[in-house]
Amino acid sequence: MAKTPKHAPPKSAKCKANRTRRRVLRLVQRVAVQQEKAERAERHEGIRQEPRAGKPRTRRASRR
């Protein structure tokens, strides 16, 4: 026999507040990670441009 659809109980104010808090915290964390990644990319971009001190770059051996 098919089950009758049951409606969810109405959402309480506490539930709504907690859900909103979680959403905001997730958003803040996402933005923080994006900024961190951007800063890291900038730092690494500067590193790649500079020539290495010491020995010049040599050709890598083939991996075959």
PDB file of N, CA and C in Angstrom:
ATOM      1  N   MET A   1       0.833  -1.188   0.000  1.00  0.00           N
ATOM      2  CA  MET A   1       0.000   0.000   0.000  1.00  0.00           C
ATOM      3  C   MET A   1       0.881   1.257   0.000  1.00  0.00           C
ATOM      4  N   ALA A   2       0.470   2.265  -0.744  1.00  0.00           N
ATOM      5  CA  ALA A   2       1.258   3.488  -0.844  1.00  0.00           C
ATOM      6  C   ALA A   2       1.184   4.280   0.461  1.00  0.00           C
ATOM      7  N   LYS A   3       2.321   4.888   0.770  1.00  0.00           N
ATOM      8  CA  LYS A   3       2.362   5.679   2.002  1.00  0.00           C
ATOM      9  C   LYS A   3       1.723   7.045   1.765  1.00  0.00           C
ATOM     10  N   THR A   4       1.048   7.557   2.764  1.00  0.00           N
ATOM     11  CA  THR A   4       0.445   8.880   2.628  1.00  0.00           C
ATOM     12  C   THR A   4       1.518   9.934   2.900  1.00  0.00           C
ATOM     13  N   PRO A   5       1.551  10.980   2.106  1.00  0.00           N
ATOM     14  CA  PRO A   5       2.585  11.998   2.323  1.00  0.00           C
ATOM     15  C   PRO A   5       2.368  12.741   3.637  1.00  0.00           C
ATOM     16  N   LYS A   6       3.443  12.903   4.372  1.00  0.00           N
ATOM     17  CA  LYS A   6       3.350  13.614   5.651  1.00  0.00           C
ATOM     18  C   LYS A   6       4.062  14.956   5.529  1.00  0.00           C
ATOM     19  N   HIS A   7       3.450  15.985   6.028  1.00  0.00           N
ATOM     20  CA  HIS A   7       4.048  17.314   5.982  1.00  0.00           C
ATOM     21  C   HIS A   7       5.021  17.489   7.149  1.00  0.00           C
ATOM     22  N   ALA A   8       6.087  18.226   6.898  1.00  0.00           N
ATOM     23  CA  ALA A   8       7.055  18.506   7.960  1.00  0.00           C
ATOM     24  C   ALA A   8       6.434  19.490   8.951  1.00  0.00           C
ATOM     25  N   PRO A   9       6.791  19.400  10.221  1.00  0.00           N
ATOM     26  CA  PRO A   9       6.245  20.349  11.196  1.00  0.00           C
ATOM     27  C   PRO A   9       6.764  21.760  10.907  1.00  0.00           C
ATOM     28  N   PRO A  10       6.043  22.781  11.314  1.00  0.00           N
ATOM     29  CA  PRO A  10       6.508  24.146  11.049  1.00  0.00           C
ATOM     30  C   PRO A  10       7.867  24.406  11.714  1.00  0.00           C
ATOM     31  N   LYS A  11       8.697  25.187  11.029  1.00  0.00           N
ATOM     32  CA  LYS A  11      10.046  25.473  11.542  1.00  0.00           C
ATOM     33  C   LYS A  11       9.971  26.467  12.700  1.00  0.00           C
ATOM     34  N   SER A  12      10.695  26.130  13.761  1.00  0.00           N
ATOM     35  CA  SER A  12      10.697  27.016  14.935  1.00  0.00           C
ATOM     36  C   SER A  12      11.683  28.157  14.715  1.00  0.00           C
ATOM     37  N   ALA A  13      11.576  29.183  15.529  1.00  0.00           N
ATOM     38  CA  ALA A  13      12.472  30.345  15.424  1.00  0.00           C
ATOM     39  C   ALA A  13      13.909  29.924  15.711  1.00  0.00           C
ATOM     40  N   LYS A  14      14.089  28.985  16.666  1.00  0.00           N
ATOM     41  CA  LYS A  14      15.434  28.533  17.031  1.00  0.00           C
ATOM     42  C   LYS A  14      16.100  27.842  15.834  1.00  0.00           C
ATOM     43  N   CYS A  15      15.329  26.985  15.156  1.00  0.00           N
ATOM     44  CA  CYS A  15      15.841  26.268  13.983  1.00  0.00           C
ATOM     45  C   CYS A  15      16.263  27.249  12.894  1.00  0.00           C
ATOM     46  N   LYS A  16      15.408  28.222  12.644  1.00  0.00           N
ATOM     47  CA  LYS A  16      15.694  29.216  11.604  1.00  0.00           C
ATOM     48  C   LYS A  16      16.960  30.001  11.937  1.00  0.00           C
ATOM     49  N   ALA A  17      17.083  30.389  13.204  1.00  0.00           N
ATOM     50  CA  ALA A  17      18.248  31.177  13.633  1.00  0.00           C
ATOM     51  C   ALA A  17      19.531  30.362  13.472  1.00  0.00           C
ATOM     52  N   ASN A  18      19.487  29.078  13.905  1.00  0.00           N
ATOM     53  CA  ASN A  18      20.671  28.222  13.786  1.00  0.00           C
ATOM     54  C   ASN A  18      21.065  28.002  12.334  1.00  0.00           C
ATOM     55  N   ARG A  19      20.064  27.792  11.500  1.00  0.00           N
ATOM     56  CA  ARG A  19      20.323  27.575  10.072  1.00  0.00           C
ATOM     57  C   ARG A  19      20.976  28.816   9.446  1.00  0.00           C
ATOM     58  N   THR A  20      20.446  29.984   9.783  1.00  0.00           N
ATOM     59  CA  THR A  20      21.003  31.244   9.272  1.00  0.00           C
ATOM     60  C   THR A  20      22.451  31.399   9.741  1.00  0.00           C
ATOM     61  N   ARG A  21      22.693  31.067  11.023  1.00  0.00           N
ATOM     62  CA  ARG A  21      24.045  31.186  11.566  1.00  0.00           C
ATOM     63  C   ARG A  21      25.020  30.277  10.814  1.00  0.00           C
ATOM     64  N   ARG A  22      24.582  29.053  10.568  1.00  0.00           N
ATOM     65  CA  ARG A  22      25.435  28.106   9.839  1.00  0.00           C
ATOM     66  C   ARG A  22      25.740  28.603   8.439  1.00  0.00           C
ATOM     67  N   ARG A  23      24.704  29.142   7.766  1.00  0.00           N
ATOM     68  CA  ARG A  23      24.895  29.666   6.406  1.00  0.00           C
ATOM     69  C   ARG A  23      25.911  30.801   6.401  1.00  0.00           C
ATOM     70  N   VAL A  24      25.782  31.713   7.361  1.00  0.00           N
ATOM     71  CA  VAL A  24      26.685  32.862   7.442  1.00  0.00           C
ATOM     72  C   VAL A  24      28.113  32.396   7.710  1.00  0.00           C
ATOM     73  N   LEU A  25      28.257  31.433   8.647  1.00  0.00           N
ATOM     74  CA  LEU A  25      29.594  30.927   8.966  1.00  0.00           C
ATOM     75  C   LEU A  25      30.233  30.266   7.753  1.00  0.00           C
ATOM     76  N   ARG A  26      29.430  29.499   7.012  1.00  0.00           N
ATOM     77  CA  ARG A  26      29.964  28.849   5.795  1.00  0.00           C
ATOM     78  C   ARG A  26      30.412  29.878   4.777  1.00  0.00           C
ATOM     79  N   LEU A  27      29.609  30.938   4.616  1.00  0.00           N
ATOM     80  CA  LEU A  27      29.945  32.007   3.676  1.00  0.00           C
ATOM     81  C   LEU A  27      31.260  32.682   4.073  1.00  0.00           C
ATOM     82  N   VAL A  28      31.398  33.009   5.371  1.00  0.00           N
ATOM     83  CA  VAL A  28      32.616  33.657   5.868  1.00  0.00           C
ATOM     84  C   VAL A  28      33.827  32.766   5.612  1.00  0.00           C
ATOM     85  N   GLN A  29      33.665  31.471   5.870  1.00  0.00           N
ATOM     86  CA  GLN A  29      34.776  30.538   5.671  1.00  0.00           C
ATOM     87  C   GLN A  29      35.155  30.459   4.197  1.00  0.00           C
ATOM     88  N   ARG A  30      34.147  30.408   3.308  1.00  0.00           N
ATOM     89  CA  ARG A  30      34.410  30.358   1.861  1.00  0.00           C
ATOM     90  C   ARG A  30      35.206  31.565   1.406  1.00  0.00           C
ATOM     91  N   VAL A  31      34.791  32.747   1.864  1.00  0.00           N
ATOM     92  CA  VAL A  31      35.467  33.991   1.481  1.00  0.00           C
ATOM     93  C   VAL A  31      36.905  33.993   1.994  1.00  0.00           C
ATOM     94  N   ALA A  32      37.101  33.516   3.233  1.00  0.00           N
ATOM     95  CA  ALA A  32      38.442  33.465   3.818  1.00  0.00           C
ATOM     96  C   ALA A  32      39.347  32.555   2.998  1.00  0.00           C
ATOM     97  N   VAL A  33      38.832  31.410   2.588  1.00  0.00           N
ATOM     98  CA  VAL A  33      39.624  30.461   1.799  1.00  0.00           C
ATOM     99  C   VAL A  33      39.957  31.066   0.438  1.00  0.00           C
ATOM    100  N   GLN A  34      39.004  31.751  -0.179  1.00  0.00           N
ATOM    101  CA  GLN A  34      39.252  32.393  -1.479  1.00  0.00           C
ATOM    102  C   GLN A  34      40.378  33.425  -1.359  1.00  0.00           C
ATOM    103  N   GLN A  35      40.326  34.251  -0.309  1.00  0.00           N
ATOM    104  CA  GLN A  35      41.354  35.278  -0.113  1.00  0.00           C
ATOM    105  C   GLN A  35      42.714  34.640   0.108  1.00  0.00           C
ATOM    106  N   GLU A  36      42.742  33.576   0.916  1.00  0.00           N
ATOM    107  CA  GLU A  36      43.985  32.879   1.210  1.00  0.00           C
ATOM    108  C   GLU A  36      44.593  32.318  -0.066  1.00  0.00           C
ATOM    109  N   LYS A  37      43.744  31.708  -0.901  1.00  0.00           N
ATOM    110  CA  LYS A  37      44.214  31.133  -2.170  1.00  0.00           C
ATOM    111  C   LYS A  37      44.769  32.226  -3.077  1.00  0.00           C
ATOM    112  N   ALA A  38      44.086  33.368  -3.121  1.00  0.00           N
ATOM    113  CA  ALA A  38      44.532  34.475  -3.973  1.00  0.00           C
ATOM    114  C   ALA A  38      45.902  34.983  -3.509  1.00  0.00           C
ATOM    115  N   GLU A  39      46.059  35.165  -2.192  1.00  0.00           N
ATOM    116  CA  GLU A  39      47.349  35.636  -1.652  1.00  0.00           C
ATOM    117  C   GLU A  39      48.448  34.634  -1.952  1.00  0.00           C
ATOM    118  N   ARG A  40      48.143  33.350  -1.769  1.00  0.00           N
ATOM    119  CA  ARG A  40      49.126  32.294  -2.018  1.00  0.00           C
ATOM    120  C   ARG A  40      49.544  32.294  -3.491  1.00  0.00           C
ATOM    121  N   ALA A  41      48.563  32.456  -4.379  1.00  0.00           N
ATOM    122  CA  ALA A  41      48.848  32.482  -5.813  1.00  0.00           C
ATOM    123  C   ALA A  41      49.771  33.660  -6.139  1.00  0.00           C
ATOM    124  N   GLU A  42      49.500  34.814  -5.538  1.00  0.00           N
ATOM    125  CA  GLU A  42      50.348  35.991  -5.775  1.00  0.00           C
ATOM    126  C   GLU A  42      51.779  35.738  -5.316  1.00  0.00           C
ATOM    127  N   ARG A  43      51.924  35.159  -4.110  1.00  0.00           N
ATOM    128  CA  ARG A  43      53.267  34.868  -3.579  1.00  0.00           C
ATOM    129  C   ARG A  43      54.019  33.917  -4.500  1.00  0.00           C
ATOM    130  N   HIS A  44      53.338  32.875  -4.954  1.00  0.00           N
ATOM    131  CA  HIS A  44      53.994  31.872  -5.795  1.00  0.00           C
ATOM    132  C   HIS A  44      54.300  32.420  -7.182  1.00  0.00           C
ATOM    133  N   GLU A  45      53.468  33.328  -7.644  1.00  0.00           N
ATOM    134  CA  GLU A  45      53.700  33.942  -8.957  1.00  0.00           C
ATOM    135  C   GLU A  45      55.033  34.691  -8.928  1.00  0.00           C
ATOM    136  N   GLY A  46      55.300  35.413  -7.849  1.00  0.00           N
ATOM    137  CA  GLY A  46      56.558  36.152  -7.701  1.00  0.00           C
ATOM    138  C   GLY A  46      57.754  35.223  -7.646  1.00  0.00           C
ATOM    139  N   ILE A  47      57.578  34.075  -7.007  1.00  0.00           N
ATOM    140  CA  ILE A  47      58.685  33.127  -6.860  1.00  0.00           C
ATOM    141  C   ILE A  47      59.084  32.564  -8.222  1.00  0.00           C
ATOM    142  N   ARG A  48      58.104  32.239  -9.057  1.00  0.00           N
ATOM    143  CA  ARG A  48      58.394  31.610 -10.347  1.00  0.00           C
ATOM    144  C   ARG A  48      59.154  32.538 -11.289  1.00  0.00           C
ATOM    145  N   GLN A  49      58.890  33.820 -11.185  1.00  0.00           N
ATOM    146  CA  GLN A  49      59.511  34.774 -12.110  1.00  0.00           C
ATOM    147  C   GLN A  49      61.012  34.949 -11.852  1.00  0.00           C
ATOM    148  N   GLU A  50      61.406  34.804 -10.589  1.00  0.00           N
ATOM    149  CA  GLU A  50      62.812  35.057 -10.263  1.00  0.00           C
ATOM    150  C   GLU A  50      63.690  33.883 -10.689  1.00  0.00           C
ATOM    151  N   PRO A  51      64.879  34.171 -11.227  1.00  0.00           N
ATOM    152  CA  PRO A  51      65.776  33.072 -11.572  1.00  0.00           C
ATOM    153  C   PRO A  51      66.319  32.425 -10.303  1.00  0.00           C
ATOM    154  N   ARG A  52      66.636  31.143 -10.379  1.00  0.00           N
ATOM    155  CA  ARG A  52      67.141  30.440  -9.208  1.00  0.00           C
ATOM    156  C   ARG A  52      68.580  30.838  -8.934  1.00  0.00           C
ATOM    157  N   ALA A  53      68.907  30.994  -7.659  1.00  0.00           N
ATOM    158  CA  ALA A  53      70.280  31.308  -7.277  1.00  0.00           C
ATOM    159  C   ALA A  53      71.087  30.009  -7.335  1.00  0.00           C
ATOM    160  N   GLY A  54      72.365  30.135  -7.690  1.00  0.00           N
ATOM    161  CA  GLY A  54      73.210  28.934  -7.724  1.00  0.00           C
ATOM    162  C   GLY A  54      73.293  28.363  -9.131  1.00  0.00           C
ATOM    163  N   LYS A  55      73.097  27.051  -9.221  1.00  0.00           N
ATOM    164  CA  LYS A  55      73.250  26.357 -10.509  1.00  0.00           C
ATOM    165  C   LYS A  55      72.178  26.791 -11.504  1.00  0.00           C
ATOM    166  N   PRO A  56      72.503  26.877 -12.770  1.00  0.00           N
ATOM    167  CA  PRO A  56      71.481  27.185 -13.772  1.00  0.00           C
ATOM    168  C   PRO A  56      70.555  25.971 -13.944  1.00  0.00           C
ATOM    169  N   ARG A  57      69.406  26.201 -14.483  1.00  0.00           N
ATOM    170  CA  ARG A  57      68.463  25.107 -14.666  1.00  0.00           C
ATOM    171  C   ARG A  57      68.981  24.175 -15.762  1.00  0.00           C
ATOM    172  N   THR A  58      68.924  22.904 -15.481  1.00  0.00           N
ATOM    173  CA  THR A  58      69.369  21.930 -16.470  1.00  0.00           C
ATOM    174  C   THR A  58      68.167  21.177 -16.978  1.00  0.00           C
ATOM    175  N   ARG A  59      68.344  20.515 -18.113  1.00  0.00           N
ATOM    176  CA  ARG A  59      67.226  19.761 -18.669  1.00  0.00           C
ATOM    177  C   ARG A  59      66.981  18.530 -17.843  1.00  0.00           C
ATOM    178  N   ARG A  60      65.739  18.211 -17.651  1.00  0.00           N
ATOM    179  CA  ARG A  60      65.378  17.033 -16.868  1.00  0.00           C
ATOM    180  C   ARG A  60      65.511  15.791 -17.736  1.00  0.00           C
ATOM    181  N   ALA A  61      65.923  14.691 -17.133  1.00  0.00           N
ATOM    182  CA  ALA A  61      66.023  13.442 -17.852  1.00  0.00           C
ATOM    183  C   ALA A  61      64.618  12.967 -18.201  1.00  0.00           C
ATOM    184  N   SER A  62      64.508  12.261 -19.305  1.00  0.00           N
ATOM    185  CA  SER A  62      63.224  11.725 -19.711  1.00  0.00           C
ATOM    186  C   SER A  62      62.789  10.657 -18.713  1.00  0.00           C
ATOM    187  N   ARG A  63      61.506  10.584 -18.486  1.00  0.00           N
ATOM    188  CA  ARG A  63      61.014   9.618 -17.497  1.00  0.00           C
ATOM    189  C   ARG A  63      60.730   8.251 -18.110  1.00  0.00           C
ATOM    190  N   ARG A  64      60.987   8.102 -19.411  1.00  0.00           N
ATOM    191  CA  ARG A  64      60.734   6.806 -20.048  1.00  0.00           C
ATOM    192  C   ARG A  64      61.823   5.821 -19.734  1.00  0.00           C
TER     193      ARG A  64
END
